[in-house]
Amino acid sequence: MSTSPVSASPPPSPDVERYLADFDVEVRERLQDMRRAIHQAVPGAGETISHQMPAITLDGTPVVWFAGWRRHLSMYPVPPADELLERRIGRYRHGADTVRFPLADPLPVELVGRIARLIVGARP
């Protein structure tokens, strides 16, 4: 009989692990921080690769994508937020539904979690 809590996250996806392994240590660690913050904000979520990047899934459906780039980390699709949260997101917003966190700056882990909850809450 399992003693794991029902809300426990599934094991890490080997495909996502391979994606992360392609980055140098510094970027990989930041991507891991982002991944961990998203999973903490969305308990019980799974993960896969979709559109050639990691995606956090709910009931097998991708809902939050994140990716590493040369100069930043990104999250997608980020819907409009309430005024207070949008002020915090604003400097990172790029286009209508993307946020970019520059690698030159510390990753705002708490904000990543809030954005993940925003994305999940906006699902139809």
N, C-alpha and C. Protein backbone atom coordinates (compact mmCIF):
# COMPACT_ATOMS: atom_id res chain seq x y z
N MET A 1 0.84 -1.18 0.00
CA MET A 1 0.00 0.00 0.00
C MET A 1 0.88 1.24 0.00
N SER A 2 0.57 2.18 -0.88
CA SER A 2 1.36 3.40 -1.00
C SER A 2 0.98 4.39 0.09
N THR A 3 1.98 5.09 0.59
CA THR A 3 1.72 6.13 1.58
C THR A 3 1.93 7.51 0.98
N SER A 4 2.08 7.56 -0.36
CA SER A 4 2.28 8.84 -1.04
C SER A 4 1.00 9.65 -1.00
N PRO A 5 1.10 10.96 -0.80
CA PRO A 5 -0.10 11.79 -0.83
C PRO A 5 -0.68 11.81 -2.23
N VAL A 6 -1.99 11.93 -2.32
CA VAL A 6 -2.68 11.93 -3.60
C VAL A 6 -2.20 13.07 -4.49
N SER A 7 -1.82 14.20 -3.93
CA SER A 7 -1.42 15.36 -4.72
C SER A 7 0.05 15.34 -5.13
N ALA A 8 0.74 14.25 -4.83
CA ALA A 8 2.17 14.19 -5.17
C ALA A 8 2.36 14.34 -6.67
N SER A 9 3.41 15.03 -7.06
CA SER A 9 3.71 15.21 -8.48
C SER A 9 4.24 13.91 -9.06
N PRO A 10 3.93 13.65 -10.34
CA PRO A 10 4.49 12.49 -11.00
C PRO A 10 6.02 12.61 -11.05
N PRO A 11 6.71 11.50 -11.31
CA PRO A 11 8.18 11.58 -11.40
C PRO A 11 8.60 12.49 -12.55
N PRO A 12 9.80 13.05 -12.48
CA PRO A 12 10.28 13.91 -13.57
C PRO A 12 10.27 13.17 -14.91
N SER A 13 9.96 13.90 -15.95
CA SER A 13 9.95 13.33 -17.30
C SER A 13 11.38 13.17 -17.81
N PRO A 14 11.74 11.98 -18.31
CA PRO A 14 13.09 11.81 -18.88
C PRO A 14 13.32 12.74 -20.07
N ASP A 15 12.24 13.05 -20.81
CA ASP A 15 12.39 13.96 -21.95
C ASP A 15 12.75 15.37 -21.48
N VAL A 16 12.12 15.82 -20.40
CA VAL A 16 12.44 17.14 -19.86
C VAL A 16 13.86 17.12 -19.30
N GLU A 17 14.24 16.04 -18.66
CA GLU A 17 15.61 15.92 -18.15
C GLU A 17 16.63 16.04 -19.29
N ARG A 18 16.35 15.42 -20.43
CA ARG A 18 17.26 15.53 -21.59
C ARG A 18 17.31 16.97 -22.10
N TYR A 19 16.16 17.63 -22.15
CA TYR A 19 16.11 19.03 -22.58
C TYR A 19 17.02 19.87 -21.68
N LEU A 20 16.87 19.72 -20.38
CA LEU A 20 17.66 20.51 -19.42
C LEU A 20 19.15 20.19 -19.52
N ALA A 21 19.47 18.95 -19.79
CA ALA A 21 20.88 18.52 -19.86
C ALA A 21 21.65 19.21 -20.98
N ASP A 22 20.93 19.74 -21.97
CA ASP A 22 21.59 20.42 -23.09
C ASP A 22 22.12 21.81 -22.74
N PHE A 23 21.78 22.32 -21.56
CA PHE A 23 22.20 23.67 -21.16
C PHE A 23 23.42 23.60 -20.25
N ASP A 24 24.19 24.70 -20.24
CA ASP A 24 25.31 24.74 -19.31
C ASP A 24 24.76 24.77 -17.88
N VAL A 25 25.61 24.50 -16.93
CA VAL A 25 25.19 24.30 -15.54
C VAL A 25 24.39 25.49 -15.00
N GLU A 26 24.86 26.70 -15.23
CA GLU A 26 24.19 27.88 -14.67
C GLU A 26 22.76 28.00 -15.20
N VAL A 27 22.58 27.87 -16.50
CA VAL A 27 21.24 27.99 -17.08
C VAL A 27 20.38 26.80 -16.64
N ARG A 28 20.95 25.62 -16.64
CA ARG A 28 20.21 24.42 -16.23
C ARG A 28 19.69 24.57 -14.80
N GLU A 29 20.52 25.09 -13.90
CA GLU A 29 20.07 25.29 -12.52
C GLU A 29 18.92 26.28 -12.44
N ARG A 30 18.98 27.32 -13.24
CA ARG A 30 17.89 28.32 -13.24
C ARG A 30 16.62 27.72 -13.82
N LEU A 31 16.77 26.91 -14.88
CA LEU A 31 15.61 26.22 -15.43
C LEU A 31 15.01 25.26 -14.40
N GLN A 32 15.87 24.60 -13.64
CA GLN A 32 15.40 23.70 -12.58
C GLN A 32 14.64 24.49 -11.51
N ASP A 33 15.15 25.68 -11.18
CA ASP A 33 14.45 26.54 -10.21
C ASP A 33 13.07 26.93 -10.73
N MET A 34 13.00 27.27 -12.02
CA MET A 34 11.73 27.64 -12.64
C MET A 34 10.78 26.43 -12.62
N ARG A 35 11.29 25.30 -13.02
CA ARG A 35 10.50 24.06 -13.05
C ARG A 35 9.95 23.76 -11.65
N ARG A 36 10.79 23.84 -10.64
CA ARG A 36 10.38 23.56 -9.26
C ARG A 36 9.31 24.55 -8.81
N ALA A 37 9.47 25.83 -9.12
CA ALA A 37 8.49 26.85 -8.72
C ALA A 37 7.14 26.59 -9.38
N ILE A 38 7.16 26.19 -10.63
CA ILE A 38 5.90 25.90 -11.33
C ILE A 38 5.23 24.69 -10.70
N HIS A 39 5.99 23.63 -10.44
CA HIS A 39 5.40 22.43 -9.82
C HIS A 39 4.87 22.72 -8.42
N GLN A 40 5.56 23.57 -7.66
CA GLN A 40 5.06 23.93 -6.33
C GLN A 40 3.75 24.71 -6.43
N ALA A 41 3.61 25.52 -7.48
CA ALA A 41 2.41 26.32 -7.67
C ALA A 41 1.25 25.51 -8.24
N VAL A 42 1.59 24.41 -8.91
CA VAL A 42 0.58 23.57 -9.57
C VAL A 42 0.77 22.13 -9.08
N PRO A 43 0.37 21.84 -7.84
CA PRO A 43 0.60 20.50 -7.28
C PRO A 43 -0.06 19.41 -8.12
N GLY A 44 0.63 18.29 -8.24
CA GLY A 44 0.09 17.16 -8.97
C GLY A 44 0.24 17.24 -10.47
N ALA A 45 0.84 18.31 -10.96
CA ALA A 45 1.01 18.47 -12.41
C ALA A 45 2.06 17.49 -12.93
N GLY A 46 1.90 17.09 -14.17
CA GLY A 46 2.90 16.27 -14.85
C GLY A 46 3.75 17.16 -15.73
N GLU A 47 4.53 16.54 -16.58
CA GLU A 47 5.35 17.31 -17.52
C GLU A 47 5.68 16.46 -18.74
N THR A 48 5.93 17.17 -19.82
CA THR A 48 6.26 16.54 -21.09
C THR A 48 7.05 17.54 -21.92
N ILE A 49 7.40 17.14 -23.12
CA ILE A 49 7.96 18.08 -24.10
C ILE A 49 6.86 18.34 -25.13
N SER A 50 6.60 19.60 -25.40
CA SER A 50 5.60 20.01 -26.37
C SER A 50 6.15 21.24 -27.08
N HIS A 51 6.03 21.28 -28.39
CA HIS A 51 6.60 22.40 -29.16
C HIS A 51 8.09 22.54 -28.89
N GLN A 52 8.77 21.43 -28.69
CA GLN A 52 10.22 21.35 -28.47
C GLN A 52 10.69 22.05 -27.20
N MET A 53 9.80 22.16 -26.21
CA MET A 53 10.18 22.75 -24.92
C MET A 53 9.39 22.06 -23.81
N PRO A 54 9.87 22.17 -22.57
CA PRO A 54 9.13 21.56 -21.46
C PRO A 54 7.77 22.21 -21.29
N ALA A 55 6.81 21.36 -20.96
CA ALA A 55 5.45 21.83 -20.68
C ALA A 55 4.96 21.14 -19.41
N ILE A 56 4.32 21.89 -18.57
CA ILE A 56 3.69 21.36 -17.37
C ILE A 56 2.27 20.98 -17.77
N THR A 57 1.84 19.78 -17.37
CA THR A 57 0.55 19.27 -17.81
C THR A 57 -0.42 19.09 -16.65
N LEU A 58 -1.69 19.24 -16.97
CA LEU A 58 -2.78 18.89 -16.05
C LEU A 58 -3.68 17.93 -16.81
N ASP A 59 -3.95 16.80 -16.22
CA ASP A 59 -4.76 15.76 -16.87
C ASP A 59 -4.21 15.43 -18.26
N GLY A 60 -2.88 15.45 -18.40
CA GLY A 60 -2.24 15.09 -19.65
C GLY A 60 -2.19 16.19 -20.70
N THR A 61 -2.78 17.34 -20.40
CA THR A 61 -2.82 18.45 -21.36
C THR A 61 -1.79 19.52 -20.96
N PRO A 62 -0.90 19.90 -21.88
CA PRO A 62 0.06 20.97 -21.56
C PRO A 62 -0.66 22.28 -21.25
N VAL A 63 -0.23 22.94 -20.18
CA VAL A 63 -0.85 24.21 -19.79
C VAL A 63 0.16 25.33 -19.59
N VAL A 64 1.37 25.01 -19.15
CA VAL A 64 2.41 26.01 -18.92
C VAL A 64 3.68 25.53 -19.62
N TRP A 65 4.21 26.34 -20.53
CA TRP A 65 5.46 26.01 -21.20
C TRP A 65 6.56 26.88 -20.62
N PHE A 66 7.78 26.35 -20.57
CA PHE A 66 8.93 27.16 -20.18
C PHE A 66 10.13 26.73 -21.01
N ALA A 67 11.06 27.66 -21.19
CA ALA A 67 12.19 27.37 -22.08
C ALA A 67 13.40 28.21 -21.70
N GLY A 68 14.56 27.70 -22.09
CA GLY A 68 15.81 28.42 -21.90
C GLY A 68 16.30 28.94 -23.24
N TRP A 69 16.82 30.13 -23.22
CA TRP A 69 17.37 30.77 -24.41
C TRP A 69 18.75 31.32 -24.07
N ARG A 70 19.39 31.91 -25.05
CA ARG A 70 20.76 32.39 -24.85
C ARG A 70 20.86 33.44 -23.74
N ARG A 71 19.87 34.33 -23.67
CA ARG A 71 19.96 35.44 -22.71
C ARG A 71 18.82 35.49 -21.69
N HIS A 72 17.88 34.57 -21.80
CA HIS A 72 16.73 34.62 -20.89
C HIS A 72 16.06 33.25 -20.75
N LEU A 73 15.17 33.16 -19.76
CA LEU A 73 14.25 32.05 -19.61
C LEU A 73 12.87 32.60 -19.92
N SER A 74 12.00 31.78 -20.49
CA SER A 74 10.66 32.24 -20.85
C SER A 74 9.59 31.33 -20.28
N MET A 75 8.39 31.90 -20.11
CA MET A 75 7.17 31.15 -19.77
C MET A 75 6.09 31.57 -20.75
N TYR A 76 5.23 30.62 -21.08
CA TYR A 76 4.14 30.85 -22.03
C TYR A 76 2.93 30.02 -21.61
N PRO A 77 1.74 30.30 -22.03
CA PRO A 77 1.18 31.58 -22.46
C PRO A 77 0.71 32.35 -21.23
N VAL A 78 1.14 33.54 -21.06
CA VAL A 78 0.82 34.34 -19.87
C VAL A 78 -0.31 35.30 -20.22
N PRO A 79 -1.52 35.04 -19.70
CA PRO A 79 -2.65 35.92 -19.99
C PRO A 79 -2.53 37.23 -19.22
N PRO A 80 -3.35 38.21 -19.57
CA PRO A 80 -3.36 39.45 -18.79
C PRO A 80 -3.72 39.14 -17.33
N ALA A 81 -3.13 39.89 -16.43
CA ALA A 81 -3.35 39.68 -15.00
C ALA A 81 -4.08 40.89 -14.42
N ASP A 82 -4.48 40.77 -13.16
CA ASP A 82 -5.06 41.93 -12.50
C ASP A 82 -3.99 43.02 -12.41
N GLU A 83 -4.43 44.23 -12.14
CA GLU A 83 -3.53 45.39 -12.19
C GLU A 83 -2.29 45.23 -11.31
N LEU A 84 -2.47 44.74 -10.10
CA LEU A 84 -1.34 44.58 -9.18
C LEU A 84 -0.31 43.58 -9.71
N LEU A 85 -0.77 42.41 -10.13
CA LEU A 85 0.14 41.40 -10.64
C LEU A 85 0.75 41.84 -11.97
N GLU A 86 -0.04 42.49 -12.79
CA GLU A 86 0.48 42.94 -14.09
C GLU A 86 1.62 43.94 -13.91
N ARG A 87 1.56 44.75 -12.85
CA ARG A 87 2.67 45.67 -12.58
C ARG A 87 3.96 44.90 -12.29
N ARG A 88 3.85 43.77 -11.60
CA ARG A 88 5.04 42.95 -11.31
C ARG A 88 5.53 42.22 -12.55
N ILE A 89 4.60 41.78 -13.38
CA ILE A 89 4.95 41.05 -14.60
C ILE A 89 5.48 42.00 -15.66
N GLY A 90 4.98 43.22 -15.68
CA GLY A 90 5.21 44.17 -16.76
C GLY A 90 6.62 44.24 -17.33
N ARG A 91 7.62 44.36 -16.49
CA ARG A 91 8.98 44.51 -17.01
C ARG A 91 9.49 43.26 -17.71
N TYR A 92 8.84 42.12 -17.46
CA TYR A 92 9.26 40.86 -18.08
C TYR A 92 8.41 40.50 -19.31
N ARG A 93 7.29 41.19 -19.49
CA ARG A 93 6.38 40.83 -20.57
C ARG A 93 7.03 41.13 -21.91
N HIS A 94 6.86 40.19 -22.82
CA HIS A 94 7.38 40.33 -24.18
C HIS A 94 6.29 39.82 -25.11
N GLY A 95 5.66 40.73 -25.82
CA GLY A 95 4.54 40.32 -26.66
C GLY A 95 3.31 40.09 -25.80
N ALA A 96 2.29 39.55 -26.43
CA ALA A 96 1.00 39.41 -25.76
C ALA A 96 0.97 38.35 -24.68
N ASP A 97 1.73 37.25 -24.87
CA ASP A 97 1.56 36.15 -23.92
C ASP A 97 2.85 35.48 -23.47
N THR A 98 3.94 36.22 -23.51
CA THR A 98 5.24 35.67 -23.13
C THR A 98 5.87 36.54 -22.05
N VAL A 99 6.54 35.88 -21.10
CA VAL A 99 7.40 36.62 -20.17
C VAL A 99 8.82 36.11 -20.36
N ARG A 100 9.77 37.01 -20.27
CA ARG A 100 11.19 36.69 -20.39
C ARG A 100 11.90 37.17 -19.13
N PHE A 101 12.62 36.24 -18.50
CA PHE A 101 13.41 36.57 -17.33
C PHE A 101 14.87 36.57 -17.75
N PRO A 102 15.51 37.76 -17.80
CA PRO A 102 16.91 37.83 -18.24
C PRO A 102 17.82 36.99 -17.35
N LEU A 103 18.75 36.29 -17.98
CA LEU A 103 19.72 35.49 -17.23
C LEU A 103 20.64 36.36 -16.39
N ALA A 104 20.76 37.64 -16.76
CA ALA A 104 21.63 38.56 -16.01
C ALA A 104 21.02 38.96 -14.67
N ASP A 105 19.72 38.70 -14.47
CA ASP A 105 19.03 39.07 -13.24
C ASP A 105 18.68 37.82 -12.43
N PRO A 106 18.51 37.97 -11.11
CA PRO A 106 18.04 36.82 -10.33
C PRO A 106 16.64 36.40 -10.80
N LEU A 107 16.37 35.11 -10.79
CA LEU A 107 15.06 34.61 -11.18
C LEU A 107 14.06 34.92 -10.06
N PRO A 108 12.96 35.64 -10.39
CA PRO A 108 11.95 35.93 -9.36
C PRO A 108 11.05 34.71 -9.14
N VAL A 109 11.54 33.77 -8.35
CA VAL A 109 10.90 32.46 -8.18
C VAL A 109 9.45 32.59 -7.71
N GLU A 110 9.20 33.47 -6.76
CA GLU A 110 7.83 33.65 -6.26
C GLU A 110 6.92 34.13 -7.38
N LEU A 111 7.41 35.04 -8.22
CA LEU A 111 6.61 35.54 -9.34
C LEU A 111 6.36 34.42 -10.36
N VAL A 112 7.34 33.57 -10.59
CA VAL A 112 7.15 32.43 -11.50
C VAL A 112 5.97 31.59 -11.01
N GLY A 113 5.91 31.32 -9.72
CA GLY A 113 4.79 30.55 -9.17
C GLY A 113 3.46 31.25 -9.34
N ARG A 114 3.44 32.55 -9.11
CA ARG A 114 2.19 33.31 -9.29
C ARG A 114 1.75 33.30 -10.74
N ILE A 115 2.71 33.41 -11.66
CA ILE A 115 2.37 33.37 -13.09
C ILE A 115 1.83 31.99 -13.45
N ALA A 116 2.43 30.93 -12.92
CA ALA A 116 1.94 29.58 -13.20
C ALA A 116 0.49 29.43 -12.74
N ARG A 117 0.19 29.92 -11.54
CA ARG A 117 -1.19 29.84 -11.04
C ARG A 117 -2.13 30.68 -11.90
N LEU A 118 -1.66 31.83 -12.38
CA LEU A 118 -2.46 32.67 -13.28
C LEU A 118 -2.79 31.92 -14.56
N ILE A 119 -1.78 31.28 -15.16
CA ILE A 119 -2.00 30.54 -16.40
C ILE A 119 -3.01 29.42 -16.18
N VAL A 120 -2.83 28.65 -15.13
CA VAL A 120 -3.74 27.54 -14.85
C VAL A 120 -5.15 28.05 -14.58
N GLY A 121 -5.26 29.15 -13.85
CA GLY A 121 -6.57 29.72 -13.54
C GLY A 121 -7.30 30.28 -14.74
N ALA A 122 -6.58 30.60 -15.80
CA ALA A 122 -7.19 31.18 -17.00
C ALA A 122 -7.65 30.11 -17.99
N ARG A 123 -7.36 28.84 -17.68
CA ARG A 123 -7.77 27.76 -18.58
C ARG A 123 -9.28 27.73 -18.74
N PRO A 124 -9.74 27.39 -19.96
CA PRO A 124 -11.21 27.27 -20.16
C PRO A 124 -11.79 26.09 -19.42
